[in-house]
């Protein structure tokens, strides 16, 4: 589990095909502190397991299904990636609960300044947008961001100055692909209420669904 607060921007040193998929080696510093083989690190919002490490980098394997469902299948040496170590039990949650399981790939379709903020428009599929609400959370390349507006085929996020300095998103060009993960709470709510939709949303329905 992660919180969507990016700790560091790492750099892909190597990307090579293996018998089981793809292995990437990522140069970093902060993400290595206290990290052991077998630990989880979110790489651009994708939960990966540390398979090897050195004093200045770690390696992780990307399964074929992960390569297909995320942008990690296209990473190349020199690419920058957002990194976050998994949350420690009892630690502070600065963003929201992020699983590191990508729901879809979005495309940057607009960027503009608004005062000191950077407003970014991202085209997304219905599979992601169905869980998005204004002022709700969305993880973009692993970063916990607030949805400030919604359209039929896109969502809009706004980055304050501090956030702009600690993510890869501001440097990405129009058309760039980004990993999107919807708020897991919305998914569980949908799952719980689906069997009761035909009954209407009464107090009794909510009780049977386990919300009251």
C-alpha atoms as a PDB file:
ATOM      1  CA  UNK A   1       0.000   0.000   0.000  1.00  0.00           C
ATOM      2  CA  UNK A   2       1.168   3.516  -0.835  1.00  0.00           C
ATOM      3  CA  UNK A   3      -0.019   7.038  -0.113  1.00  0.00           C
ATOM      4  CA  UNK A   4       0.625   8.735  -3.443  1.00  0.00           C
ATOM      5  CA  UNK A   5       3.285  11.051  -2.025  1.00  0.00           C
ATOM      6  CA  UNK A   6       6.222  10.715  -4.407  1.00  0.00           C
ATOM      7  CA  UNK A   7       9.493  10.508  -2.507  1.00  0.00           C
ATOM      8  CA  UNK A   8      11.927  10.808  -5.363  1.00  0.00           C
ATOM      9  CA  UNK A   9      12.321  10.956  -9.112  1.00  0.00           C
ATOM     10  CA  UNK A  10      14.476   8.042 -10.238  1.00  0.00           C
ATOM     11  CA  UNK A  11      16.129   7.329 -13.581  1.00  0.00           C
ATOM     12  CA  UNK A  12      15.960   4.119 -15.625  1.00  0.00           C
ATOM     13  CA  UNK A  13      19.523   2.845 -16.010  1.00  0.00           C
ATOM     14  CA  UNK A  14      18.786  -0.387 -17.851  1.00  0.00           C
ATOM     15  CA  UNK A  15      15.773  -2.114 -19.374  1.00  0.00           C
ATOM     16  CA  UNK A  16      16.219  -5.641 -20.643  1.00  0.00           C
ATOM     17  CA  UNK A  17      14.041  -8.557 -21.720  1.00  0.00           C
ATOM     18  CA  UNK A  18      14.185 -11.689 -19.570  1.00  0.00           C
ATOM     19  CA  UNK A  19      12.611 -15.122 -19.728  1.00  0.00           C
ATOM     20  CA  UNK A  20       9.782 -13.944 -17.448  1.00  0.00           C
ATOM     21  CA  UNK A  21       9.204 -10.509 -18.973  1.00  0.00           C
ATOM     22  CA  UNK A  22      11.222  -7.348 -18.501  1.00  0.00           C
ATOM     23  CA  UNK A  23      13.703  -6.193 -15.864  1.00  0.00           C
ATOM     24  CA  UNK A  24      14.422  -2.534 -15.168  1.00  0.00           C
ATOM     25  CA  UNK A  25      17.235  -1.097 -13.079  1.00  0.00           C
ATOM     26  CA  UNK A  26      16.482   2.275 -11.539  1.00  0.00           C
ATOM     27  CA  UNK A  27      19.031   4.707 -10.132  1.00  0.00           C
ATOM     28  CA  UNK A  28      17.860   6.490  -6.992  1.00  0.00           C
ATOM     29  CA  UNK A  29      18.837   7.417  -3.437  1.00  0.00           C
ATOM     30  CA  UNK A  30      15.910   8.086  -1.096  1.00  0.00           C
ATOM     31  CA  UNK A  31      13.924   5.038  -2.237  1.00  0.00           C
ATOM     32  CA  UNK A  32      16.828   2.791  -1.221  1.00  0.00           C
ATOM     33  CA  UNK A  33      16.858   3.900   2.411  1.00  0.00           C
ATOM     34  CA  UNK A  34      15.829   0.919   4.517  1.00  0.00           C
ATOM     35  CA  UNK A  35      14.848  -1.029   1.410  1.00  0.00           C
ATOM     36  CA  UNK A  36      15.537  -4.750   1.213  1.00  0.00           C
ATOM     37  CA  UNK A  37      15.107  -7.347  -1.511  1.00  0.00           C
ATOM     38  CA  UNK A  38      11.434  -8.343  -1.565  1.00  0.00           C
ATOM     39  CA  UNK A  39      10.140  -4.906  -0.564  1.00  0.00           C
ATOM     40  CA  UNK A  40       7.617  -3.028  -2.670  1.00  0.00           C
ATOM     41  CA  UNK A  41       8.294   0.256  -4.443  1.00  0.00           C
ATOM     42  CA  UNK A  42       5.779   2.126  -6.590  1.00  0.00           C
ATOM     43  CA  UNK A  43       7.368   3.020  -9.932  1.00  0.00           C
ATOM     44  CA  UNK A  44       5.199   5.552 -11.773  1.00  0.00           C
ATOM     45  CA  UNK A  45       2.322   4.186  -9.734  1.00  0.00           C
ATOM     46  CA  UNK A  46       2.994   0.507 -10.397  1.00  0.00           C
ATOM     47  CA  UNK A  47       3.767  -1.681  -7.391  1.00  0.00           C
ATOM     48  CA  UNK A  48       6.999  -3.569  -8.144  1.00  0.00           C
ATOM     49  CA  UNK A  49       9.044  -5.948  -6.019  1.00  0.00           C
ATOM     50  CA  UNK A  50      12.713  -5.206  -5.447  1.00  0.00           C
ATOM     51  CA  UNK A  51      14.569  -8.172  -6.974  1.00  0.00           C
ATOM     52  CA  UNK A  52      18.104  -6.832  -6.521  1.00  0.00           C
ATOM     53  CA  UNK A  53      19.761  -3.704  -5.210  1.00  0.00           C
ATOM     54  CA  UNK A  54      23.064  -1.906  -5.062  1.00  0.00           C
ATOM     55  CA  UNK A  55      24.153   1.197  -3.124  1.00  0.00           C
ATOM     56  CA  UNK A  56      22.806   3.398  -5.925  1.00  0.00           C
ATOM     57  CA  UNK A  57      20.031   1.458  -7.665  1.00  0.00           C
ATOM     58  CA  UNK A  58      17.488  -1.354  -7.504  1.00  0.00           C
ATOM     59  CA  UNK A  59      16.162  -3.805 -10.067  1.00  0.00           C
ATOM     60  CA  UNK A  60      12.583  -5.009 -10.479  1.00  0.00           C
ATOM     61  CA  UNK A  61      10.850  -7.407 -12.847  1.00  0.00           C
ATOM     62  CA  UNK A  62       7.867  -6.327 -14.925  1.00  0.00           C
ATOM     63  CA  UNK A  63       5.462  -9.108 -15.839  1.00  0.00           C
ATOM     64  CA  UNK A  64       3.977  -9.110 -19.358  1.00  0.00           C
ATOM     65  CA  UNK A  65       0.506  -8.233 -18.037  1.00  0.00           C
ATOM     66  CA  UNK A  66       1.961  -5.253 -16.150  1.00  0.00           C
ATOM     67  CA  UNK A  67       3.792  -4.089 -19.266  1.00  0.00           C
ATOM     68  CA  UNK A  68       0.523  -4.209 -21.216  1.00  0.00           C
ATOM     69  CA  UNK A  69      -1.593  -2.427 -18.632  1.00  0.00           C
ATOM     70  CA  UNK A  70       0.845   0.357 -17.745  1.00  0.00           C
ATOM     71  CA  UNK A  71       3.429   2.663 -19.286  1.00  0.00           C
ATOM     72  CA  UNK A  72       6.306   0.583 -17.895  1.00  0.00           C
ATOM     73  CA  UNK A  73       6.358  -1.546 -21.020  1.00  0.00           C
ATOM     74  CA  UNK A  74       7.691   1.474 -22.926  1.00  0.00           C
ATOM     75  CA  UNK A  75      10.267   2.816 -20.472  1.00  0.00           C
ATOM     76  CA  UNK A  76      13.748   3.284 -21.865  1.00  0.00           C
ATOM     77  CA  UNK A  77      17.159   4.013 -20.294  1.00  0.00           C
ATOM     78  CA  UNK A  78      17.268   7.654 -19.291  1.00  0.00           C
ATOM     79  CA  UNK A  79      13.519   7.872 -18.589  1.00  0.00           C
ATOM     80  CA  UNK A  80      12.529   9.488 -15.299  1.00  0.00           C
ATOM     81  CA  UNK A  81      10.036   7.770 -12.996  1.00  0.00           C
ATOM     82  CA  UNK A  82       8.212   8.664  -9.782  1.00  0.00           C
ATOM     83  CA  UNK A  83       9.211   6.504  -6.820  1.00  0.00           C
ATOM     84  CA  UNK A  84       7.545   5.815  -3.475  1.00  0.00           C
ATOM     85  CA  UNK A  85       8.319   3.163  -0.883  1.00  0.00           C
ATOM     86  CA  UNK A  86       5.372   1.328   0.651  1.00  0.00           C
ATOM     87  CA  UNK A  87       3.682   2.897   3.651  1.00  0.00           C
ATOM     88  CA  UNK A  88       4.920   1.857   7.083  1.00  0.00           C
ATOM     89  CA  UNK A  89       2.176   0.765   9.492  1.00  0.00           C
ATOM     90  CA  UNK A  90       1.378   3.660  11.804  1.00  0.00           C
ATOM     91  CA  UNK A  91       2.968   6.185   9.463  1.00  0.00           C
ATOM     92  CA  UNK A  92       1.323   9.333   8.134  1.00  0.00           C
ATOM     93  CA  UNK A  93      -0.834   9.153   5.006  1.00  0.00           C
ATOM     94  CA  UNK A  94      -0.203  12.418   3.181  1.00  0.00           C
ATOM     95  CA  UNK A  95      -2.258  11.558   0.095  1.00  0.00           C
ATOM     96  CA  UNK A  96      -4.754   8.702  -0.149  1.00  0.00           C
ATOM     97  CA  UNK A  97      -4.663   4.903  -0.185  1.00  0.00           C
ATOM     98  CA  UNK A  98      -2.959   3.837  -3.413  1.00  0.00           C
ATOM     99  CA  UNK A  99      -2.558   0.155  -4.242  1.00  0.00           C
ATOM    100  CA  UNK A 100      -0.133   0.415  -7.122  1.00  0.00           C
ATOM    101  CA  UNK A 101      -2.602  -1.381  -9.414  1.00  0.00           C
ATOM    102  CA  UNK A 102      -3.113   0.632 -12.599  1.00  0.00           C
ATOM    103  CA  UNK A 103      -6.711   0.916 -13.833  1.00  0.00           C
ATOM    104  CA  UNK A 104      -5.899   2.486 -17.177  1.00  0.00           C
ATOM    105  CA  UNK A 105      -3.534   4.598 -19.232  1.00  0.00           C
ATOM    106  CA  UNK A 106      -4.432   8.236 -19.804  1.00  0.00           C
ATOM    107  CA  UNK A 107      -3.058  10.808 -22.268  1.00  0.00           C
ATOM    108  CA  UNK A 108      -2.103  14.389 -21.501  1.00  0.00           C
ATOM    109  CA  UNK A 109      -4.269  16.569 -23.750  1.00  0.00           C
ATOM    110  CA  UNK A 110      -3.831  19.979 -22.157  1.00  0.00           C
ATOM    111  CA  UNK A 111      -1.499  21.956 -19.882  1.00  0.00           C
ATOM    112  CA  UNK A 112      -1.804  25.551 -18.769  1.00  0.00           C
ATOM    113  CA  UNK A 113      -0.630  27.828 -16.006  1.00  0.00           C
ATOM    114  CA  UNK A 114      -3.121  29.269 -13.549  1.00  0.00           C
ATOM    115  CA  UNK A 115      -1.335  31.623 -11.186  1.00  0.00           C
ATOM    116  CA  UNK A 116       1.442  29.519  -9.670  1.00  0.00           C
ATOM    117  CA  UNK A 117      -0.490  26.301 -10.319  1.00  0.00           C
ATOM    118  CA  UNK A 118      -0.161  23.985 -13.314  1.00  0.00           C
ATOM    119  CA  UNK A 119      -3.465  22.656 -14.641  1.00  0.00           C
ATOM    120  CA  UNK A 120      -3.271  19.383 -16.564  1.00  0.00           C
ATOM    121  CA  UNK A 121      -6.055  17.792 -18.625  1.00  0.00           C
ATOM    122  CA  UNK A 122      -5.879  14.018 -19.047  1.00  0.00           C
ATOM    123  CA  UNK A 123      -7.980  11.983 -21.463  1.00  0.00           C
ATOM    124  CA  UNK A 124      -9.138   8.775 -19.786  1.00  0.00           C
ATOM    125  CA  UNK A 125     -11.382   5.795 -20.435  1.00  0.00           C
ATOM    126  CA  UNK A 126     -14.786   5.180 -18.894  1.00  0.00           C
ATOM    127  CA  UNK A 127     -13.248   2.428 -16.760  1.00  0.00           C
ATOM    128  CA  UNK A 128     -11.351   5.135 -14.865  1.00  0.00           C
ATOM    129  CA  UNK A 129     -13.749   8.085 -15.127  1.00  0.00           C
ATOM    130  CA  UNK A 130     -16.655   6.074 -13.667  1.00  0.00           C
ATOM    131  CA  UNK A 131     -14.886   6.261 -10.283  1.00  0.00           C
ATOM    132  CA  UNK A 132     -13.773   9.899 -10.493  1.00  0.00           C
ATOM    133  CA  UNK A 133     -15.561  12.748  -8.708  1.00  0.00           C
ATOM    134  CA  UNK A 134     -14.687  16.414  -8.426  1.00  0.00           C
ATOM    135  CA  UNK A 135     -12.571  17.071  -5.325  1.00  0.00           C
ATOM    136  CA  UNK A 136     -11.900  13.345  -5.140  1.00  0.00           C
ATOM    137  CA  UNK A 137      -8.580  11.540  -5.497  1.00  0.00           C
ATOM    138  CA  UNK A 138      -6.832  10.114  -8.536  1.00  0.00           C
ATOM    139  CA  UNK A 139      -3.309   8.648  -8.724  1.00  0.00           C
ATOM    140  CA  UNK A 140      -1.421   9.891 -11.795  1.00  0.00           C
ATOM    141  CA  UNK A 141       1.871   8.032 -12.299  1.00  0.00           C
ATOM    142  CA  UNK A 142       1.626   7.202  -8.601  1.00  0.00           C
ATOM    143  CA  UNK A 143       1.061  10.771  -7.408  1.00  0.00           C
ATOM    144  CA  UNK A 144      -2.020  11.482  -5.312  1.00  0.00           C
ATOM    145  CA  UNK A 145      -3.802  14.396  -6.989  1.00  0.00           C
ATOM    146  CA  UNK A 146      -7.181  16.064  -6.579  1.00  0.00           C
ATOM    147  CA  UNK A 147      -9.652  16.034  -9.466  1.00  0.00           C
ATOM    148  CA  UNK A 148     -10.679  19.668 -10.001  1.00  0.00           C
ATOM    149  CA  UNK A 149     -12.955  19.104 -13.009  1.00  0.00           C
ATOM    150  CA  UNK A 150     -14.473  16.300 -15.063  1.00  0.00           C
ATOM    151  CA  UNK A 151     -15.577  15.966 -18.666  1.00  0.00           C
ATOM    152  CA  UNK A 152     -17.171  13.106 -20.591  1.00  0.00           C
ATOM    153  CA  UNK A 153     -13.776  11.821 -21.712  1.00  0.00           C
ATOM    154  CA  UNK A 154     -11.243  13.523 -19.457  1.00  0.00           C
ATOM    155  CA  UNK A 155     -10.340  14.708 -15.994  1.00  0.00           C
ATOM    156  CA  UNK A 156      -8.440  17.776 -14.832  1.00  0.00           C
ATOM    157  CA  UNK A 157      -5.889  18.035 -12.016  1.00  0.00           C
ATOM    158  CA  UNK A 158      -4.071  21.056 -10.623  1.00  0.00           C
ATOM    159  CA  UNK A 159      -0.520  20.986  -9.232  1.00  0.00           C
ATOM    160  CA  UNK A 160       0.709  23.521  -6.680  1.00  0.00           C
ATOM    161  CA  UNK A 161       4.289  24.803  -6.915  1.00  0.00           C
ATOM    162  CA  UNK A 162       5.749  22.268  -4.461  1.00  0.00           C
ATOM    163  CA  UNK A 163       4.131  19.341  -6.275  1.00  0.00           C
ATOM    164  CA  UNK A 164       5.405  20.572  -9.632  1.00  0.00           C
ATOM    165  CA  UNK A 165       8.976  20.321  -8.365  1.00  0.00           C
ATOM    166  CA  UNK A 166       8.666  16.720  -7.153  1.00  0.00           C
ATOM    167  CA  UNK A 167       6.872  14.900 -10.003  1.00  0.00           C
ATOM    168  CA  UNK A 168       7.619  13.961 -13.584  1.00  0.00           C
ATOM    169  CA  UNK A 169       4.187  15.160 -14.759  1.00  0.00           C
ATOM    170  CA  UNK A 170       5.115  18.833 -15.389  1.00  0.00           C
ATOM    171  CA  UNK A 171       7.895  17.768 -17.767  1.00  0.00           C
ATOM    172  CA  UNK A 172       5.769  15.376 -19.831  1.00  0.00           C
ATOM    173  CA  UNK A 173       4.680  16.661 -23.269  1.00  0.00           C
ATOM    174  CA  UNK A 174       1.192  16.730 -24.718  1.00  0.00           C
ATOM    175  CA  UNK A 175       0.227  13.243 -25.849  1.00  0.00           C
ATOM    176  CA  UNK A 176       2.369  11.533 -23.219  1.00  0.00           C
ATOM    177  CA  UNK A 177       0.894   8.452 -21.562  1.00  0.00           C
ATOM    178  CA  UNK A 178       0.352   8.339 -17.788  1.00  0.00           C
ATOM    179  CA  UNK A 179      -0.734   5.574 -15.413  1.00  0.00           C
ATOM    180  CA  UNK A 180      -4.065   6.153 -13.701  1.00  0.00           C
ATOM    181  CA  UNK A 181      -5.419   4.470 -10.582  1.00  0.00           C
ATOM    182  CA  UNK A 182      -8.854   5.337  -9.258  1.00  0.00           C
ATOM    183  CA  UNK A 183      -9.649   5.584  -5.560  1.00  0.00           C
ATOM    184  CA  UNK A 184     -10.069   2.005  -4.318  1.00  0.00           C
ATOM    185  CA  UNK A 185     -12.850   3.073  -1.920  1.00  0.00           C
ATOM    186  CA  UNK A 186     -15.063   3.937  -4.911  1.00  0.00           C
ATOM    187  CA  UNK A 187     -14.508   0.457  -6.335  1.00  0.00           C
ATOM    188  CA  UNK A 188     -15.544  -1.235  -3.091  1.00  0.00           C
ATOM    189  CA  UNK A 189     -18.638   0.960  -2.783  1.00  0.00           C
ATOM    190  CA  UNK A 190     -19.696  -0.011  -6.312  1.00  0.00           C
ATOM    191  CA  UNK A 191     -19.107  -3.686  -5.564  1.00  0.00           C
ATOM    192  CA  UNK A 192     -21.187  -3.556  -2.389  1.00  0.00           C
ATOM    193  CA  UNK A 193     -24.179  -1.690  -3.798  1.00  0.00           C
ATOM    194  CA  UNK A 194     -24.409  -3.479  -7.176  1.00  0.00           C
ATOM    195  CA  UNK A 195     -26.531  -6.404  -5.879  1.00  0.00           C
ATOM    196  CA  UNK A 196     -28.996  -3.904  -4.347  1.00  0.00           C
ATOM    197  CA  UNK A 197     -29.396  -1.391  -7.188  1.00  0.00           C
ATOM    198  CA  UNK A 198     -32.837  -2.656  -8.184  1.00  0.00           C
ATOM    199  CA  UNK A 199     -34.114  -1.988  -4.653  1.00  0.00           C
ATOM    200  CA  UNK A 200     -33.421   1.755  -4.738  1.00  0.00           C
ATOM    201  CA  UNK A 201     -31.295   3.616  -2.197  1.00  0.00           C
ATOM    202  CA  UNK A 202     -33.295   3.463   1.004  1.00  0.00           C
ATOM    203  CA  UNK A 203     -32.006   3.180   4.558  1.00  0.00           C
ATOM    204  CA  UNK A 204     -32.892  -0.506   4.523  1.00  0.00           C
ATOM    205  CA  UNK A 205     -30.874  -1.002   1.322  1.00  0.00           C
ATOM    206  CA  UNK A 206     -27.835   0.652   2.854  1.00  0.00           C
ATOM    207  CA  UNK A 207     -28.147  -1.537   5.945  1.00  0.00           C
ATOM    208  CA  UNK A 208     -28.239  -4.701   3.836  1.00  0.00           C
ATOM    209  CA  UNK A 209     -25.229  -3.479   1.850  1.00  0.00           C
ATOM    210  CA  UNK A 210     -23.306  -2.989   5.093  1.00  0.00           C
ATOM    211  CA  UNK A 211     -23.009   0.815   5.041  1.00  0.00           C
ATOM    212  CA  UNK A 212     -25.061   1.426   8.194  1.00  0.00           C
END
